N, C-alpha and C. Protein backbone atom coordinates (compact mmCIF):
# COMPACT_ATOMS: atom_id res chain seq x y z
N MET A 1 143.77 64.48 81.58
CA MET A 1 143.78 63.83 82.87
C MET A 1 142.61 64.29 83.72
N ALA A 2 142.42 65.58 83.84
CA ALA A 2 141.36 66.11 84.71
C ALA A 2 139.97 65.59 84.31
N PRO A 3 139.60 65.63 83.03
CA PRO A 3 138.27 65.13 82.67
C PRO A 3 138.06 63.66 83.04
N ARG A 4 139.10 62.83 82.88
CA ARG A 4 138.97 61.40 83.25
C ARG A 4 138.72 61.25 84.75
N LEU A 5 139.46 62.00 85.55
CA LEU A 5 139.31 61.92 87.00
C LEU A 5 137.96 62.46 87.45
N ILE A 6 137.50 63.52 86.82
CA ILE A 6 136.19 64.08 87.15
C ILE A 6 135.09 63.11 86.73
N ALA A 7 135.26 62.44 85.61
CA ALA A 7 134.25 61.44 85.18
C ALA A 7 134.15 60.32 86.21
N ARG A 8 135.29 59.88 86.74
CA ARG A 8 135.29 58.85 87.77
C ARG A 8 134.56 59.36 89.03
N PHE A 9 134.84 60.61 89.39
CA PHE A 9 134.17 61.22 90.54
C PHE A 9 132.66 61.29 90.31
N ARG A 10 132.25 61.73 89.11
CA ARG A 10 130.82 61.85 88.80
C ARG A 10 130.12 60.50 88.87
N ALA A 11 130.81 59.43 88.47
CA ALA A 11 130.21 58.09 88.55
C ALA A 11 129.96 57.70 90.00
N ASP A 12 130.87 58.09 90.89
CA ASP A 12 130.73 57.78 92.32
C ASP A 12 129.80 58.74 93.05
N HIS A 13 129.64 59.95 92.52
CA HIS A 13 128.84 60.99 93.18
C HIS A 13 127.90 61.64 92.15
N PRO A 14 126.92 60.89 91.65
CA PRO A 14 126.07 61.41 90.57
C PRO A 14 125.20 62.61 90.95
N ASN A 15 125.01 62.84 92.23
CA ASN A 15 124.16 63.96 92.66
C ASN A 15 124.95 65.23 92.98
N VAL A 16 126.24 65.21 92.72
CA VAL A 16 127.07 66.38 92.99
C VAL A 16 127.32 67.11 91.68
N GLY A 17 127.04 68.41 91.66
CA GLY A 17 127.29 69.22 90.47
C GLY A 17 128.77 69.53 90.34
N VAL A 18 129.27 69.42 89.14
CA VAL A 18 130.68 69.71 88.87
C VAL A 18 130.74 70.67 87.69
N THR A 19 131.48 71.74 87.85
CA THR A 19 131.72 72.69 86.77
C THR A 19 133.22 72.76 86.55
N MET A 20 133.64 72.66 85.30
CA MET A 20 135.06 72.77 84.97
C MET A 20 135.26 74.00 84.10
N ASN A 21 136.28 74.77 84.41
CA ASN A 21 136.62 75.96 83.65
C ASN A 21 138.12 75.97 83.38
N ASP A 22 138.51 76.71 82.37
CA ASP A 22 139.92 76.84 82.00
C ASP A 22 140.46 78.14 82.57
N PHE A 23 141.19 78.05 83.68
CA PHE A 23 141.84 79.20 84.30
C PHE A 23 143.33 78.92 84.40
N SER A 24 144.12 79.95 84.39
CA SER A 24 145.56 79.77 84.60
C SER A 24 145.79 79.29 86.03
N SER A 25 146.96 78.75 86.29
CA SER A 25 147.31 78.31 87.65
C SER A 25 147.18 79.46 88.63
N HIS A 26 147.66 80.64 88.24
CA HIS A 26 147.58 81.81 89.11
C HIS A 26 146.13 82.15 89.45
N GLU A 27 145.26 82.14 88.44
CA GLU A 27 143.84 82.43 88.67
C GLU A 27 143.22 81.38 89.60
N GLN A 28 143.58 80.12 89.42
CA GLN A 28 143.01 79.07 90.26
C GLN A 28 143.43 79.25 91.72
N VAL A 29 144.68 79.58 91.95
CA VAL A 29 145.15 79.80 93.32
C VAL A 29 144.36 80.94 93.97
N GLU A 30 144.14 82.01 93.22
CA GLU A 30 143.37 83.13 93.77
C GLU A 30 141.92 82.72 94.05
N LEU A 31 141.32 81.94 93.17
CA LEU A 31 139.94 81.46 93.40
C LEU A 31 139.87 80.53 94.60
N LEU A 32 140.88 79.68 94.77
CA LEU A 32 140.93 78.81 95.95
C LEU A 32 141.02 79.64 97.22
N ARG A 33 141.85 80.67 97.21
CA ARG A 33 141.99 81.55 98.38
C ARG A 33 140.66 82.17 98.79
N ARG A 34 139.86 82.54 97.80
CA ARG A 34 138.57 83.20 98.07
C ARG A 34 137.44 82.20 98.27
N ASP A 35 137.76 80.91 98.31
CA ASP A 35 136.75 79.85 98.43
C ASP A 35 135.75 79.87 97.27
N ALA A 36 136.19 80.34 96.11
CA ALA A 36 135.36 80.36 94.92
C ALA A 36 135.64 79.15 94.03
N LEU A 37 136.57 78.31 94.47
CA LEU A 37 136.95 77.10 93.76
C LEU A 37 137.30 76.07 94.81
N ASP A 38 136.84 74.83 94.62
CA ASP A 38 137.12 73.78 95.59
C ASP A 38 138.45 73.09 95.34
N LEU A 39 138.77 72.88 94.06
CA LEU A 39 139.99 72.16 93.71
C LEU A 39 140.46 72.66 92.36
N GLY A 40 141.76 72.76 92.21
CA GLY A 40 142.33 73.19 90.94
C GLY A 40 143.39 72.22 90.46
N PHE A 41 143.61 72.20 89.16
CA PHE A 41 144.72 71.46 88.56
C PHE A 41 145.71 72.51 88.07
N VAL A 42 146.86 72.60 88.74
CA VAL A 42 147.78 73.72 88.53
C VAL A 42 149.23 73.25 88.41
N ARG A 43 150.07 74.20 88.01
CA ARG A 43 151.52 73.98 88.02
C ARG A 43 151.98 74.01 89.47
N LEU A 44 152.81 73.08 89.84
CA LEU A 44 153.36 73.06 91.19
C LEU A 44 154.76 73.67 91.14
N PRO A 45 155.25 74.23 92.23
CA PRO A 45 154.67 74.25 93.58
C PRO A 45 153.64 75.38 93.73
N VAL A 46 152.89 75.30 94.85
CA VAL A 46 151.91 76.31 95.21
C VAL A 46 152.23 76.81 96.62
N PRO A 47 151.63 77.92 97.05
CA PRO A 47 151.87 78.41 98.41
C PRO A 47 151.55 77.36 99.46
N ALA A 48 152.25 77.43 100.59
CA ALA A 48 152.14 76.43 101.66
C ALA A 48 150.75 76.36 102.28
N GLU A 49 149.93 77.34 102.06
CA GLU A 49 148.58 77.32 102.65
C GLU A 49 147.67 76.27 102.01
N PHE A 50 148.10 75.66 100.92
CA PHE A 50 147.29 74.66 100.21
C PHE A 50 147.89 73.27 100.32
N GLU A 51 147.01 72.27 100.19
CA GLU A 51 147.48 70.90 100.02
C GLU A 51 147.62 70.65 98.53
N ALA A 52 148.60 69.87 98.17
CA ALA A 52 148.84 69.60 96.75
C ALA A 52 149.19 68.13 96.57
N LEU A 53 148.75 67.59 95.46
CA LEU A 53 149.04 66.21 95.11
C LEU A 53 149.58 66.19 93.69
N PRO A 54 150.89 65.90 93.51
CA PRO A 54 151.44 65.82 92.16
C PRO A 54 150.76 64.71 91.37
N LEU A 55 150.38 65.00 90.12
CA LEU A 55 149.67 64.01 89.31
C LEU A 55 150.36 63.68 88.00
N ALA A 56 151.06 64.64 87.43
CA ALA A 56 151.67 64.42 86.11
C ALA A 56 152.80 65.41 85.92
N SER A 57 153.60 65.16 84.91
CA SER A 57 154.63 66.13 84.55
C SER A 57 154.40 66.53 83.09
N ASP A 58 154.94 67.65 82.74
CA ASP A 58 154.82 68.14 81.37
C ASP A 58 156.15 68.80 81.02
N GLN A 59 156.30 69.16 79.77
CA GLN A 59 157.51 69.84 79.34
C GLN A 59 157.20 70.72 78.15
N LEU A 60 158.08 71.66 77.92
CA LEU A 60 157.93 72.54 76.78
C LEU A 60 158.20 71.77 75.49
N ALA A 61 157.54 72.20 74.43
CA ALA A 61 157.74 71.61 73.11
C ALA A 61 157.64 72.71 72.06
N ILE A 62 158.30 72.49 70.96
CA ILE A 62 158.21 73.42 69.84
C ILE A 62 157.02 72.97 68.99
N ALA A 63 156.08 73.87 68.80
CA ALA A 63 154.96 73.61 67.89
C ALA A 63 155.31 74.26 66.56
N SER A 64 155.22 73.46 65.49
CA SER A 64 155.52 74.00 64.17
C SER A 64 154.48 73.50 63.18
N PRO A 65 154.24 74.27 62.13
CA PRO A 65 153.33 73.79 61.09
C PRO A 65 153.85 72.47 60.54
N ALA A 66 152.97 71.60 60.11
CA ALA A 66 153.37 70.26 59.65
C ALA A 66 154.43 70.31 58.55
N ARG A 67 154.46 71.39 57.75
CA ARG A 67 155.42 71.47 56.64
C ARG A 67 156.85 71.78 57.10
N ILE A 68 157.02 72.23 58.35
CA ILE A 68 158.35 72.55 58.88
C ILE A 68 158.84 71.37 59.71
N GLU A 69 160.03 70.91 59.40
CA GLU A 69 160.58 69.77 60.15
C GLU A 69 161.61 70.25 61.16
N ILE A 70 161.38 69.88 62.42
CA ILE A 70 162.33 70.19 63.49
C ILE A 70 162.74 68.87 64.11
N ARG A 71 164.03 68.59 64.12
CA ARG A 71 164.53 67.31 64.61
C ARG A 71 164.47 67.24 66.13
N ALA A 72 163.90 66.15 66.65
CA ALA A 72 163.94 65.90 68.09
C ALA A 72 165.40 65.70 68.49
N GLY A 73 165.79 66.28 69.59
CA GLY A 73 167.17 66.16 70.05
C GLY A 73 168.10 67.16 69.41
N GLY A 74 167.64 67.85 68.38
CA GLY A 74 168.47 68.87 67.76
C GLY A 74 168.47 70.14 68.61
N ASP A 75 169.13 71.15 68.13
CA ASP A 75 169.22 72.42 68.84
C ASP A 75 167.94 73.22 68.58
N PRO A 76 167.05 73.35 69.58
CA PRO A 76 165.79 74.05 69.35
C PRO A 76 165.98 75.53 69.02
N VAL A 77 167.02 76.14 69.54
CA VAL A 77 167.27 77.56 69.26
C VAL A 77 167.56 77.73 67.77
N GLN A 78 168.42 76.89 67.25
CA GLN A 78 168.75 76.97 65.82
C GLN A 78 167.51 76.65 64.98
N ALA A 79 166.70 75.69 65.43
CA ALA A 79 165.50 75.32 64.69
C ALA A 79 164.51 76.48 64.61
N LEU A 80 164.44 77.29 65.65
CA LEU A 80 163.48 78.39 65.68
C LEU A 80 164.02 79.71 65.14
N ALA A 81 165.33 79.81 64.99
CA ALA A 81 165.97 81.09 64.66
C ALA A 81 165.43 81.72 63.38
N ASP A 82 165.09 80.94 62.40
CA ASP A 82 164.67 81.48 61.10
C ASP A 82 163.16 81.59 60.94
N HIS A 83 162.41 81.40 62.02
CA HIS A 83 160.95 81.38 61.91
C HIS A 83 160.31 82.47 62.76
N ASP A 84 159.15 82.92 62.29
CA ASP A 84 158.34 83.82 63.10
C ASP A 84 157.83 83.03 64.30
N PHE A 85 157.36 83.75 65.30
CA PHE A 85 157.02 83.13 66.57
C PHE A 85 155.64 83.60 67.02
N VAL A 86 154.80 82.67 67.45
CA VAL A 86 153.49 82.96 68.03
C VAL A 86 153.63 82.73 69.53
N ALA A 87 153.16 83.67 70.34
CA ALA A 87 153.36 83.57 71.78
C ALA A 87 152.04 83.67 72.55
N LEU A 88 152.02 83.01 73.68
CA LEU A 88 150.92 83.13 74.63
C LEU A 88 151.07 84.47 75.34
N ARG A 89 150.01 85.24 75.40
CA ARG A 89 150.05 86.55 76.07
C ARG A 89 150.32 86.33 77.55
N ASP A 90 151.23 87.11 78.12
CA ASP A 90 151.66 86.97 79.51
C ASP A 90 150.50 86.94 80.50
N GLY A 91 149.54 87.80 80.35
CA GLY A 91 148.46 87.92 81.32
C GLY A 91 147.59 86.69 81.42
N ARG A 92 147.51 85.89 80.37
CA ARG A 92 146.62 84.73 80.37
C ARG A 92 147.25 83.51 81.03
N GLY A 93 148.49 83.28 80.78
CA GLY A 93 149.19 82.12 81.35
C GLY A 93 150.51 82.56 81.94
N PRO A 94 150.49 83.31 83.06
CA PRO A 94 151.74 83.89 83.56
C PRO A 94 152.80 82.86 83.93
N GLY A 95 152.42 81.71 84.47
CA GLY A 95 153.41 80.70 84.84
C GLY A 95 154.08 80.10 83.62
N LEU A 96 153.28 79.73 82.63
CA LEU A 96 153.83 79.17 81.39
C LEU A 96 154.63 80.22 80.64
N SER A 97 154.09 81.42 80.54
CA SER A 97 154.81 82.49 79.85
C SER A 97 156.16 82.76 80.51
N ALA A 98 156.19 82.77 81.84
CA ALA A 98 157.46 83.00 82.55
C ALA A 98 158.44 81.87 82.28
N GLN A 99 157.96 80.64 82.26
CA GLN A 99 158.86 79.52 82.01
C GLN A 99 159.42 79.58 80.59
N ILE A 100 158.58 79.92 79.63
CA ILE A 100 159.05 80.06 78.25
C ILE A 100 160.07 81.19 78.15
N ARG A 101 159.77 82.32 78.77
CA ARG A 101 160.68 83.47 78.77
C ARG A 101 162.02 83.09 79.41
N ASP A 102 161.97 82.39 80.56
CA ASP A 102 163.19 81.96 81.24
C ASP A 102 164.00 81.00 80.37
N TRP A 103 163.30 80.06 79.70
CA TRP A 103 164.00 79.11 78.83
C TRP A 103 164.66 79.87 77.68
N CYS A 104 163.93 80.81 77.08
CA CYS A 104 164.49 81.59 75.97
C CYS A 104 165.73 82.36 76.43
N ARG A 105 165.64 83.00 77.59
CA ARG A 105 166.77 83.76 78.12
C ARG A 105 167.97 82.85 78.35
N ALA A 106 167.73 81.71 79.02
CA ALA A 106 168.82 80.77 79.33
C ALA A 106 169.43 80.19 78.06
N SER A 107 168.62 80.08 77.00
CA SER A 107 169.09 79.51 75.73
C SER A 107 169.61 80.57 74.77
N ASP A 108 169.61 81.85 75.23
CA ASP A 108 170.01 82.97 74.40
C ASP A 108 169.23 82.99 73.09
N PHE A 109 167.93 82.76 73.21
CA PHE A 109 167.02 82.78 72.07
C PHE A 109 166.13 84.01 72.18
N HIS A 110 166.07 84.79 71.10
CA HIS A 110 165.28 86.01 71.07
C HIS A 110 164.23 85.86 69.97
N PRO A 111 163.05 85.36 70.34
CA PRO A 111 162.04 85.07 69.33
C PRO A 111 161.53 86.32 68.63
N LYS A 112 161.25 86.17 67.35
CA LYS A 112 160.63 87.24 66.57
C LYS A 112 159.12 87.01 66.66
N ILE A 113 158.49 87.65 67.66
CA ILE A 113 157.06 87.44 67.90
C ILE A 113 156.25 88.27 66.91
N VAL A 114 155.43 87.57 66.12
CA VAL A 114 154.60 88.24 65.13
C VAL A 114 153.13 88.24 65.53
N GLN A 115 152.79 87.42 66.51
CA GLN A 115 151.39 87.31 66.94
C GLN A 115 151.35 86.81 68.37
N GLU A 116 150.42 87.35 69.16
CA GLU A 116 150.17 86.85 70.51
C GLU A 116 148.73 86.37 70.58
N ALA A 117 148.46 85.45 71.51
CA ALA A 117 147.11 84.93 71.70
C ALA A 117 146.87 84.73 73.18
N ASP A 118 145.60 84.65 73.55
CA ASP A 118 145.21 84.53 74.96
C ASP A 118 145.09 83.11 75.46
N ASP A 119 145.16 82.12 74.58
CA ASP A 119 145.05 80.73 75.04
C ASP A 119 145.85 79.81 74.12
N ILE A 120 146.16 78.64 74.66
CA ILE A 120 146.99 77.67 73.92
C ILE A 120 146.30 77.21 72.64
N GLN A 121 144.97 77.00 72.69
CA GLN A 121 144.26 76.55 71.49
C GLN A 121 144.45 77.53 70.34
N THR A 122 144.37 78.83 70.63
CA THR A 122 144.55 79.83 69.59
C THR A 122 146.00 79.87 69.12
N VAL A 123 146.95 79.76 70.05
CA VAL A 123 148.36 79.70 69.66
C VAL A 123 148.56 78.54 68.68
N LEU A 124 148.04 77.37 69.02
CA LEU A 124 148.21 76.19 68.16
C LEU A 124 147.50 76.36 66.82
N ALA A 125 146.33 76.97 66.82
CA ALA A 125 145.61 77.20 65.57
C ALA A 125 146.40 78.15 64.66
N LEU A 126 147.02 79.17 65.24
CA LEU A 126 147.84 80.10 64.46
C LEU A 126 149.07 79.40 63.88
N VAL A 127 149.68 78.53 64.68
CA VAL A 127 150.82 77.75 64.19
C VAL A 127 150.36 76.83 63.05
N ALA A 128 149.25 76.12 63.26
CA ALA A 128 148.73 75.21 62.22
C ALA A 128 148.41 75.96 60.94
N ALA A 129 148.00 77.23 61.06
CA ALA A 129 147.69 78.05 59.88
C ALA A 129 148.95 78.58 59.19
N GLY A 130 150.11 78.33 59.81
CA GLY A 130 151.37 78.73 59.18
C GLY A 130 151.90 80.08 59.58
N LEU A 131 151.36 80.70 60.63
CA LEU A 131 151.83 82.03 61.04
C LEU A 131 153.20 82.00 61.70
N GLY A 132 153.64 80.86 62.16
CA GLY A 132 154.94 80.76 62.81
C GLY A 132 155.01 79.54 63.69
N CYS A 133 156.07 79.46 64.46
CA CYS A 133 156.26 78.39 65.44
C CYS A 133 155.91 78.94 66.81
N ALA A 134 155.84 78.06 67.80
CA ALA A 134 155.56 78.49 69.17
C ALA A 134 156.18 77.50 70.13
N ILE A 135 156.33 77.93 71.36
CA ILE A 135 156.73 77.01 72.42
C ILE A 135 155.51 76.84 73.32
N VAL A 136 155.09 75.59 73.48
CA VAL A 136 153.85 75.26 74.20
C VAL A 136 154.10 74.03 75.08
N PRO A 137 153.16 73.69 75.95
CA PRO A 137 153.29 72.44 76.70
C PRO A 137 153.16 71.24 75.75
N ALA A 138 153.98 70.23 75.95
CA ALA A 138 153.90 69.03 75.13
C ALA A 138 152.53 68.37 75.24
N SER A 139 151.89 68.51 76.39
CA SER A 139 150.58 67.89 76.60
C SER A 139 149.50 68.50 75.71
N SER A 140 149.76 69.61 75.07
CA SER A 140 148.76 70.22 74.20
C SER A 140 148.65 69.53 72.85
N SER A 141 149.39 68.46 72.66
CA SER A 141 149.39 67.75 71.38
C SER A 141 148.01 67.25 70.97
N ALA A 142 147.14 66.96 71.92
CA ALA A 142 145.81 66.43 71.60
C ALA A 142 144.86 67.51 71.08
N LEU A 143 145.22 68.77 71.20
CA LEU A 143 144.29 69.85 70.83
C LEU A 143 144.12 70.03 69.33
N LEU A 144 145.16 69.80 68.55
CA LEU A 144 145.08 69.94 67.09
C LEU A 144 145.88 68.81 66.42
N PRO A 145 145.46 67.57 66.61
CA PRO A 145 146.25 66.47 66.06
C PRO A 145 146.32 66.51 64.53
N GLY A 146 147.53 66.19 64.03
CA GLY A 146 147.73 66.09 62.59
C GLY A 146 147.92 67.40 61.86
N ARG A 147 147.65 68.52 62.50
CA ARG A 147 147.75 69.81 61.81
C ARG A 147 149.04 70.54 62.12
N LEU A 148 149.80 70.00 63.07
CA LEU A 148 151.08 70.58 63.42
C LEU A 148 151.95 69.52 64.04
N THR A 149 153.20 69.87 64.26
CA THR A 149 154.16 68.94 64.85
C THR A 149 154.64 69.53 66.17
N LEU A 150 154.71 68.68 67.20
CA LEU A 150 155.27 69.09 68.48
C LEU A 150 156.55 68.33 68.72
N THR A 151 157.63 69.06 68.97
CA THR A 151 158.94 68.46 69.23
C THR A 151 159.34 68.83 70.66
N PRO A 152 159.41 67.84 71.57
CA PRO A 152 159.75 68.14 72.97
C PRO A 152 161.13 68.78 73.09
N ILE A 153 161.26 69.69 74.07
CA ILE A 153 162.51 70.35 74.38
C ILE A 153 163.12 69.65 75.59
N ALA A 154 164.36 69.25 75.49
CA ALA A 154 165.03 68.53 76.57
C ALA A 154 165.50 69.49 77.66
N GLY A 155 165.75 68.96 78.84
CA GLY A 155 166.35 69.72 79.93
C GLY A 155 165.38 70.03 81.05
N GLU A 156 165.92 70.16 82.25
CA GLU A 156 165.10 70.43 83.44
C GLU A 156 164.38 71.77 83.35
N ALA A 157 164.97 72.76 82.72
CA ALA A 157 164.34 74.08 82.62
C ALA A 157 163.07 74.03 81.78
N ALA A 158 162.89 72.96 81.04
CA ALA A 158 161.72 72.82 80.17
C ALA A 158 160.65 71.92 80.80
N ARG A 159 160.82 71.48 82.04
CA ARG A 159 159.88 70.54 82.68
C ARG A 159 159.20 71.17 83.89
N TRP A 160 158.01 70.65 84.22
CA TRP A 160 157.30 71.04 85.44
C TRP A 160 156.32 69.95 85.83
N THR A 161 155.79 70.09 87.04
CA THR A 161 154.83 69.13 87.57
C THR A 161 153.46 69.79 87.67
N VAL A 162 152.43 69.02 87.34
CA VAL A 162 151.05 69.45 87.45
C VAL A 162 150.42 68.65 88.59
N GLY A 163 149.63 69.33 89.40
CA GLY A 163 148.99 68.62 90.51
C GLY A 163 147.63 69.19 90.85
N ALA A 164 146.94 68.46 91.69
CA ALA A 164 145.67 68.92 92.24
C ALA A 164 145.96 69.72 93.50
N VAL A 165 145.22 70.81 93.70
CA VAL A 165 145.45 71.70 94.83
C VAL A 165 144.10 72.05 95.45
N TRP A 166 144.08 72.09 96.79
CA TRP A 166 142.86 72.44 97.51
C TRP A 166 143.24 72.95 98.89
N LYS A 167 142.27 73.56 99.56
CA LYS A 167 142.46 74.02 100.94
C LYS A 167 142.15 72.85 101.87
N SER A 168 143.07 72.54 102.77
CA SER A 168 142.83 71.42 103.69
C SER A 168 141.63 71.69 104.58
N SER A 169 141.34 72.94 104.88
CA SER A 169 140.20 73.28 105.73
C SER A 169 138.86 72.96 105.06
N ARG A 170 138.89 72.72 103.74
CA ARG A 170 137.65 72.41 103.01
C ARG A 170 137.59 70.94 102.59
N ASN A 171 138.51 70.13 103.07
CA ASN A 171 138.61 68.73 102.64
C ASN A 171 137.61 67.85 103.38
N PHE A 172 136.34 68.01 103.03
CA PHE A 172 135.28 67.18 103.60
C PHE A 172 134.19 67.03 102.55
N GLY A 173 133.23 66.15 102.80
CA GLY A 173 132.11 65.95 101.87
C GLY A 173 132.57 65.49 100.50
N ALA A 174 131.98 66.09 99.47
CA ALA A 174 132.27 65.70 98.09
C ALA A 174 133.74 65.94 97.73
N LEU A 175 134.32 67.04 98.23
CA LEU A 175 135.73 67.31 97.93
C LEU A 175 136.61 66.19 98.48
N ALA A 176 136.31 65.69 99.67
CA ALA A 176 137.09 64.58 100.24
C ALA A 176 136.98 63.35 99.34
N GLY A 177 135.81 63.13 98.75
CA GLY A 177 135.64 62.01 97.81
C GLY A 177 136.50 62.17 96.58
N LEU A 178 136.57 63.39 96.06
CA LEU A 178 137.40 63.65 94.89
C LEU A 178 138.88 63.49 95.24
N VAL A 179 139.28 63.97 96.40
CA VAL A 179 140.68 63.83 96.82
C VAL A 179 141.04 62.35 96.93
N ARG A 180 140.13 61.52 97.45
CA ARG A 180 140.40 60.07 97.51
C ARG A 180 140.63 59.49 96.13
N ILE A 181 139.83 59.89 95.15
CA ILE A 181 140.00 59.42 93.77
C ILE A 181 141.34 59.88 93.21
N LEU A 182 141.71 61.13 93.48
CA LEU A 182 142.98 61.65 93.00
C LEU A 182 144.16 60.90 93.62
N ARG A 183 144.08 60.64 94.92
CA ARG A 183 145.16 59.90 95.59
C ARG A 183 145.27 58.48 95.02
N ALA A 184 144.14 57.84 94.76
CA ALA A 184 144.16 56.49 94.17
C ALA A 184 144.78 56.52 92.78
N ALA A 185 144.47 57.55 91.99
CA ALA A 185 145.04 57.67 90.66
C ALA A 185 146.54 57.88 90.73
N GLU A 186 146.98 58.71 91.69
CA GLU A 186 148.40 58.99 91.85
C GLU A 186 149.13 57.73 92.28
N GLU A 187 148.54 56.96 93.20
CA GLU A 187 149.16 55.71 93.64
C GLU A 187 149.22 54.70 92.51
N ALA A 188 148.22 54.65 91.66
CA ALA A 188 148.21 53.71 90.53
C ALA A 188 149.30 54.05 89.52
N GLU A 189 149.67 55.33 89.40
CA GLU A 189 150.71 55.75 88.48
C GLU A 189 152.11 55.41 88.98
N THR A 190 152.28 55.31 90.32
CA THR A 190 153.63 55.07 90.86
C THR A 190 153.89 53.62 91.14
């Protein structure tokens, strides 16, 4: 989603430099606070000091090597019980890690973690290599197509909203142009 919206912005503002980086939601909020970032795409909600625009929703999914079959709608705890587990390291994605931990606790699931990684791409690559299963965002399906299977996990505890976040005090110039594009995209979705 973010690259498409930024491409639209770049078409409208060809003389404005845009840099995109992969930071956790927590890191982005801290960068926004320090005025080191103009806009972030983060998990909502965010502190009241920021403006936020919900753009999409996501949910947890079980990532498994293609050779392992996990039925959609089945019991994910039972599906994962006999498999090793690859996990995202807490420090890299604290919001996602906390949601996964909370879901595991609520589901009385105690994963046998055999490997940790610092980013979702590495988690998915380890799963695709057969090291185990993982719980990841369903939206990560595009990162390693065909090399693994993602089975969405049902329930509100497995869902969240992603949105654009910025400081209202900085909403002028090029950032105001980007916010207009984001609002138009959000309105087109509803």
